[in-house]
Amino acid sequence: MAEIIKFVYIMILCVSLLLIAEASGKECVTDADCENLYPGNKKPMFCNNTGYCMSLYKEPSRYM
């Protein structure tokens, strides 16, 4: 009986992790999506091959 409960518990954990991973999804598909997601950004952005917006410029370091 305890083994069945443990199995069900593990299955619930695996399914919930799968749902969280699927819900994160991709941020963009085209470069225009990046402009719509970050309208106040003055630096040019592009959509990389993993589906996330990237800037062409590096951020200045906060600590010298």
PDB file of N, CA and C in Angstrom:
ATOM      1  N   MET A   1       0.822  -1.191   0.000  1.00  0.00           N
ATOM      2  CA  MET A   1       0.000   0.000   0.000  1.00  0.00           C
ATOM      3  C   MET A   1       0.869   1.259   0.000  1.00  0.00           C
ATOM      4  N   ALA A   2       1.928   1.270   0.807  1.00  0.00           N
ATOM      5  CA  ALA A   2       2.814   2.437   0.867  1.00  0.00           C
ATOM      6  C   ALA A   2       3.541   2.634  -0.455  1.00  0.00           C
ATOM      7  N   GLU A   3       3.847   1.539  -1.143  1.00  0.00           N
ATOM      8  CA  GLU A   3       4.529   1.645  -2.436  1.00  0.00           C
ATOM      9  C   GLU A   3       3.636   2.297  -3.480  1.00  0.00           C
ATOM     10  N   ILE A   4       2.351   2.006  -3.439  1.00  0.00           N
ATOM     11  CA  ILE A   4       1.412   2.608  -4.390  1.00  0.00           C
ATOM     12  C   ILE A   4       1.302   4.107  -4.133  1.00  0.00           C
ATOM     13  N   ILE A   5       1.224   4.503  -2.878  1.00  0.00           N
ATOM     14  CA  ILE A   5       1.132   5.920  -2.539  1.00  0.00           C
ATOM     15  C   ILE A   5       2.406   6.648  -2.956  1.00  0.00           C
ATOM     16  N   LYS A   6       3.554   6.029  -2.740  1.00  0.00           N
ATOM     17  CA  LYS A   6       4.825   6.623  -3.144  1.00  0.00           C
ATOM     18  C   LYS A   6       4.882   6.780  -4.660  1.00  0.00           C
ATOM     19  N   PHE A   7       4.416   5.778  -5.395  1.00  0.00           N
ATOM     20  CA  PHE A   7       4.411   5.831  -6.850  1.00  0.00           C
ATOM     21  C   PHE A   7       3.507   6.975  -7.341  1.00  0.00           C
ATOM     22  N   VAL A   8       2.324   7.098  -6.771  1.00  0.00           N
ATOM     23  CA  VAL A   8       1.397   8.162  -7.162  1.00  0.00           C
ATOM     24  C   VAL A   8       2.010   9.525  -6.841  1.00  0.00           C
ATOM     25  N   TYR A   9       2.646   9.664  -5.708  1.00  0.00           N
ATOM     26  CA  TYR A   9       3.290  10.914  -5.309  1.00  0.00           C
ATOM     27  C   TYR A   9       4.379  11.291  -6.308  1.00  0.00           C
ATOM     28  N   ILE A  10       5.202  10.348  -6.702  1.00  0.00           N
ATOM     29  CA  ILE A  10       6.277  10.606  -7.663  1.00  0.00           C
ATOM     30  C   ILE A  10       5.703  10.977  -9.028  1.00  0.00           C
ATOM     31  N   MET A  11       4.643  10.322  -9.429  1.00  0.00           N
ATOM     32  CA  MET A  11       4.018  10.645 -10.714  1.00  0.00           C
ATOM     33  C   MET A  11       3.445  12.062 -10.707  1.00  0.00           C
ATOM     34  N   ILE A  12       2.838  12.469  -9.600  1.00  0.00           N
ATOM     35  CA  ILE A  12       2.302  13.832  -9.496  1.00  0.00           C
ATOM     36  C   ILE A  12       3.440  14.846  -9.591  1.00  0.00           C
ATOM     37  N   LEU A  13       4.560  14.579  -8.946  1.00  0.00           N
ATOM     38  CA  LEU A  13       5.711  15.481  -9.032  1.00  0.00           C
ATOM     39  C   LEU A  13       6.241  15.576 -10.458  1.00  0.00           C
ATOM     40  N   CYS A  14       6.356  14.457 -11.135  1.00  0.00           N
ATOM     41  CA  CYS A  14       6.876  14.456 -12.509  1.00  0.00           C
ATOM     42  C   CYS A  14       5.941  15.211 -13.449  1.00  0.00           C
ATOM     43  N   VAL A  15       4.667  14.997 -13.324  1.00  0.00           N
ATOM     44  CA  VAL A  15       3.710  15.682 -14.188  1.00  0.00           C
ATOM     45  C   VAL A  15       3.716  17.183 -13.916  1.00  0.00           C
ATOM     46  N   SER A  16       3.798  17.580 -12.659  1.00  0.00           N
ATOM     47  CA  SER A  16       3.813  19.014 -12.347  1.00  0.00           C
ATOM     48  C   SER A  16       5.075  19.680 -12.888  1.00  0.00           C
ATOM     49  N   LEU A  17       6.220  19.014 -12.811  1.00  0.00           N
ATOM     50  CA  LEU A  17       7.444  19.575 -13.374  1.00  0.00           C
ATOM     51  C   LEU A  17       7.348  19.699 -14.888  1.00  0.00           C
ATOM     52  N   LEU A  18       6.739  18.732 -15.526  1.00  0.00           N
ATOM     53  CA  LEU A  18       6.549  18.782 -16.972  1.00  0.00           C
ATOM     54  C   LEU A  18       5.644  19.953 -17.351  1.00  0.00           C
ATOM     55  N   LEU A  19       4.586  20.171 -16.606  1.00  0.00           N
ATOM     56  CA  LEU A  19       3.668  21.270 -16.897  1.00  0.00           C
ATOM     57  C   LEU A  19       4.343  22.621 -16.702  1.00  0.00           C
ATOM     58  N   ILE A  20       5.179  22.745 -15.703  1.00  0.00           N
ATOM     59  CA  ILE A  20       5.901  23.996 -15.473  1.00  0.00           C
ATOM     60  C   ILE A  20       6.868  24.260 -16.615  1.00  0.00           C
ATOM     61  N   ALA A  21       7.560  23.235 -17.071  1.00  0.00           N
ATOM     62  CA  ALA A  21       8.512  23.398 -18.168  1.00  0.00           C
ATOM     63  C   ALA A  21       7.798  23.775 -19.461  1.00  0.00           C
ATOM     64  N   GLU A  22       6.642  23.214 -19.713  1.00  0.00           N
ATOM     65  CA  GLU A  22       5.891  23.529 -20.924  1.00  0.00           C
ATOM     66  C   GLU A  22       5.287  24.919 -20.861  1.00  0.00           C
ATOM     67  N   ALA A  23       4.916  25.378 -19.687  1.00  0.00           N
ATOM     68  CA  ALA A  23       4.264  26.677 -19.543  1.00  0.00           C
ATOM     69  C   ALA A  23       5.245  27.824 -19.762  1.00  0.00           C
ATOM     70  N   SER A  24       6.530  27.584 -19.540  1.00  0.00           N
ATOM     71  CA  SER A  24       7.497  28.668 -19.699  1.00  0.00           C
ATOM     72  C   SER A  24       7.582  29.105 -21.154  1.00  0.00           C
ATOM     73  N   GLY A  25       7.572  28.180 -22.078  1.00  0.00           N
ATOM     74  CA  GLY A  25       7.496  28.488 -23.499  1.00  0.00           C
ATOM     75  C   GLY A  25       8.594  29.406 -23.993  1.00  0.00           C
ATOM     76  N   LYS A  26       8.431  29.864 -25.229  1.00  0.00           N
ATOM     77  CA  LYS A  26       9.384  30.776 -25.834  1.00  0.00           C
ATOM     78  C   LYS A  26       8.887  32.204 -25.701  1.00  0.00           C
ATOM     79  N   GLU A  27       9.828  33.107 -25.606  1.00  0.00           N
ATOM     80  CA  GLU A  27       9.502  34.511 -25.412  1.00  0.00           C
ATOM     81  C   GLU A  27       9.137  35.185 -26.732  1.00  0.00           C
ATOM     82  N   CYS A  28       9.815  34.805 -27.810  1.00  0.00           N
ATOM     83  CA  CYS A  28       9.584  35.469 -29.088  1.00  0.00           C
ATOM     84  C   CYS A  28       9.742  34.474 -30.236  1.00  0.00           C
ATOM     85  N   VAL A  29       9.224  34.893 -31.385  1.00  0.00           N
ATOM     86  CA  VAL A  29       9.384  34.110 -32.607  1.00  0.00           C
ATOM     87  C   VAL A  29      10.100  34.950 -33.661  1.00  0.00           C
ATOM     88  N   THR A  30       9.774  36.231 -33.713  1.00  0.00           N
ATOM     89  CA  THR A  30      10.419  37.147 -34.653  1.00  0.00           C
ATOM     90  C   THR A  30      11.016  38.327 -33.895  1.00  0.00           C
ATOM     91  N   ASP A  31      11.797  39.136 -34.598  1.00  0.00           N
ATOM     92  CA  ASP A  31      12.395  40.318 -33.978  1.00  0.00           C
ATOM     93  C   ASP A  31      11.335  41.333 -33.578  1.00  0.00           C
ATOM     94  N   ALA A  32      10.238  41.382 -34.299  1.00  0.00           N
ATOM     95  CA  ALA A  32       9.158  42.317 -33.965  1.00  0.00           C
ATOM     96  C   ALA A  32       8.538  41.976 -32.615  1.00  0.00           C
ATOM     97  N   ASP A  33       8.531  40.706 -32.247  1.00  0.00           N
ATOM     98  CA  ASP A  33       8.011  40.313 -30.936  1.00  0.00           C
ATOM     99  C   ASP A  33       8.827  40.937 -29.810  1.00  0.00           C
ATOM    100  N   CYS A  34      10.131  41.049 -29.985  1.00  0.00           N
ATOM    101  CA  CYS A  34      10.987  41.650 -28.961  1.00  0.00           C
ATOM    102  C   CYS A  34      10.661  43.130 -28.794  1.00  0.00           C
ATOM    103  N   GLU A  35      10.408  43.813 -29.913  1.00  0.00           N
ATOM    104  CA  GLU A  35      10.056  45.225 -29.825  1.00  0.00           C
ATOM    105  C   GLU A  35       8.722  45.408 -29.116  1.00  0.00           C
ATOM    106  N   ASN A  36       7.790  44.485 -29.315  1.00  0.00           N
ATOM    107  CA  ASN A  36       6.490  44.576 -28.642  1.00  0.00           C
ATOM    108  C   ASN A  36       6.578  44.210 -27.168  1.00  0.00           C
ATOM    109  N   LEU A  37       7.458  43.286 -26.808  1.00  0.00           N
ATOM    110  CA  LEU A  37       7.602  42.875 -25.414  1.00  0.00           C
ATOM    111  C   LEU A  37       8.315  43.930 -24.583  1.00  0.00           C
ATOM    112  N   TYR A  38       9.284  44.616 -25.179  1.00  0.00           N
ATOM    113  CA  TYR A  38      10.083  45.622 -24.470  1.00  0.00           C
ATOM    114  C   TYR A  38       9.986  46.956 -25.206  1.00  0.00           C
ATOM    115  N   PRO A  39       8.851  47.645 -25.104  1.00  0.00           N
ATOM    116  CA  PRO A  39       8.670  48.870 -25.899  1.00  0.00           C
ATOM    117  C   PRO A  39       9.556  50.035 -25.464  1.00  0.00           C
ATOM    118  N   GLY A  40       9.971  50.108 -24.211  1.00  0.00           N
ATOM    119  CA  GLY A  40      10.782  51.229 -23.739  1.00  0.00           C
ATOM    120  C   GLY A  40      12.267  51.063 -23.977  1.00  0.00           C
ATOM    121  N   ASN A  41      12.674  49.933 -24.501  1.00  0.00           N
ATOM    122  CA  ASN A  41      14.093  49.660 -24.701  1.00  0.00           C
ATOM    123  C   ASN A  41      14.599  50.427 -25.917  1.00  0.00           C
ATOM    124  N   LYS A  42      15.663  51.215 -25.733  1.00  0.00           N
ATOM    125  CA  LYS A  42      16.203  52.003 -26.829  1.00  0.00           C
ATOM    126  C   LYS A  42      17.296  51.262 -27.599  1.00  0.00           C
ATOM    127  N   LYS A  43      17.770  50.158 -27.071  1.00  0.00           N
ATOM    128  CA  LYS A  43      18.812  49.380 -27.743  1.00  0.00           C
ATOM    129  C   LYS A  43      18.162  48.360 -28.676  1.00  0.00           C
ATOM    130  N   PRO A  44      18.755  48.129 -29.841  1.00  0.00           N
ATOM    131  CA  PRO A  44      18.172  47.143 -30.754  1.00  0.00           C
ATOM    132  C   PRO A  44      18.215  45.736 -30.159  1.00  0.00           C
ATOM    133  N   MET A  45      17.138  45.007 -30.344  1.00  0.00           N
ATOM    134  CA  MET A  45      17.048  43.643 -29.831  1.00  0.00           C
ATOM    135  C   MET A  45      16.692  42.708 -30.977  1.00  0.00           C
ATOM    136  N   PHE A  46      17.065  41.451 -30.809  1.00  0.00           N
ATOM    137  CA  PHE A  46      16.709  40.446 -31.804  1.00  0.00           C
ATOM    138  C   PHE A  46      16.292  39.172 -31.094  1.00  0.00           C
ATOM    139  N   CYS A  47      15.607  38.325 -31.805  1.00  0.00           N
ATOM    140  CA  CYS A  47      15.156  37.036 -31.277  1.00  0.00           C
ATOM    141  C   CYS A  47      16.193  35.989 -31.676  1.00  0.00           C
ATOM    142  N   ASN A  48      16.834  35.378 -30.673  1.00  0.00           N
ATOM    143  CA  ASN A  48      17.848  34.372 -30.997  1.00  0.00           C
ATOM    144  C   ASN A  48      17.193  33.019 -31.297  1.00  0.00           C
ATOM    145  N   ASN A  49      17.990  32.021 -31.630  1.00  0.00           N
ATOM    146  CA  ASN A  49      17.438  30.730 -32.071  1.00  0.00           C
ATOM    147  C   ASN A  49      16.816  29.916 -30.948  1.00  0.00           C
ATOM    148  N   THR A  50      17.006  30.305 -29.689  1.00  0.00           N
ATOM    149  CA  THR A  50      16.362  29.592 -28.584  1.00  0.00           C
ATOM    150  C   THR A  50      15.009  30.175 -28.227  1.00  0.00           C
ATOM    151  N   GLY A  51      14.650  31.320 -28.841  1.00  0.00           N
ATOM    152  CA  GLY A  51      13.339  31.906 -28.608  1.00  0.00           C
ATOM    153  C   GLY A  51      13.300  32.960 -27.525  1.00  0.00           C
ATOM    154  N   TYR A  52      14.448  33.580 -27.248  1.00  0.00           N
ATOM    155  CA  TYR A  52      14.499  34.632 -26.237  1.00  0.00           C
ATOM    156  C   TYR A  52      15.098  35.889 -26.844  1.00  0.00           C
ATOM    157  N   CYS A  53      14.646  37.042 -26.351  1.00  0.00           N
ATOM    158  CA  CYS A  53      15.122  38.325 -26.858  1.00  0.00           C
ATOM    159  C   CYS A  53      16.515  38.618 -26.303  1.00  0.00           C
ATOM    160  N   MET A  54      17.378  39.094 -27.183  1.00  0.00           N
ATOM    161  CA  MET A  54      18.750  39.428 -26.800  1.00  0.00           C
ATOM    162  C   MET A  54      19.063  40.827 -27.300  1.00  0.00           C
ATOM    163  N   SER A  55      19.913  41.534 -26.568  1.00  0.00           N
ATOM    164  CA  SER A  55      20.353  42.856 -26.976  1.00  0.00           C
ATOM    165  C   SER A  55      21.703  42.735 -27.668  1.00  0.00           C
ATOM    166  N   LEU A  56      21.963  43.645 -28.578  1.00  0.00           N
ATOM    167  CA  LEU A  56      23.246  43.641 -29.269  1.00  0.00           C
ATOM    168  C   LEU A  56      24.364  44.236 -28.422  1.00  0.00           C
ATOM    169  N   TYR A  57      23.981  44.998 -27.402  1.00  0.00           N
ATOM    170  CA  TYR A  57      24.959  45.687 -26.574  1.00  0.00           C
ATOM    171  C   TYR A  57      25.031  45.056 -25.194  1.00  0.00           C
ATOM    172  N   LYS A  58      26.239  45.035 -24.640  1.00  0.00           N
ATOM    173  CA  LYS A  58      26.414  44.527 -23.285  1.00  0.00           C
ATOM    174  C   LYS A  58      26.002  45.594 -22.283  1.00  0.00           C
ATOM    175  N   GLU A  59      25.471  45.148 -21.173  1.00  0.00           N
ATOM    176  CA  GLU A  59      25.129  46.068 -20.090  1.00  0.00           C
ATOM    177  C   GLU A  59      26.412  46.481 -19.384  1.00  0.00           C
ATOM    178  N   PRO A  60      26.524  47.740 -18.980  1.00  0.00           N
ATOM    179  CA  PRO A  60      27.721  48.141 -18.228  1.00  0.00           C
ATOM    180  C   PRO A  60      27.729  47.468 -16.863  1.00  0.00           C
ATOM    181  N   SER A  61      28.910  47.164 -16.389  1.00  0.00           N
ATOM    182  CA  SER A  61      29.003  46.504 -15.095  1.00  0.00           C
ATOM    183  C   SER A  61      28.590  47.473 -13.995  1.00  0.00           C
ATOM    184  N   ARG A  62      27.900  46.979 -13.005  1.00  0.00           N
ATOM    185  CA  ARG A  62      27.413  47.822 -11.915  1.00  0.00           C
ATOM    186  C   ARG A  62      28.493  48.063 -10.872  1.00  0.00           C
ATOM    187  N   TYR A  63      29.444  47.167 -10.811  1.00  0.00           N
ATOM    188  CA  TYR A  63      30.488  47.268  -9.801  1.00  0.00           C
ATOM    189  C   TYR A  63      31.838  47.402 -10.489  1.00  0.00           C
ATOM    190  N   MET A  64      32.578  48.380 -10.100  1.00  0.00           N
ATOM    191  CA  MET A  64      33.891  48.595 -10.700  1.00  0.00           C
ATOM    192  C   MET A  64      34.962  47.927  -9.897  1.00  0.00           C
TER     193      MET A  64
END
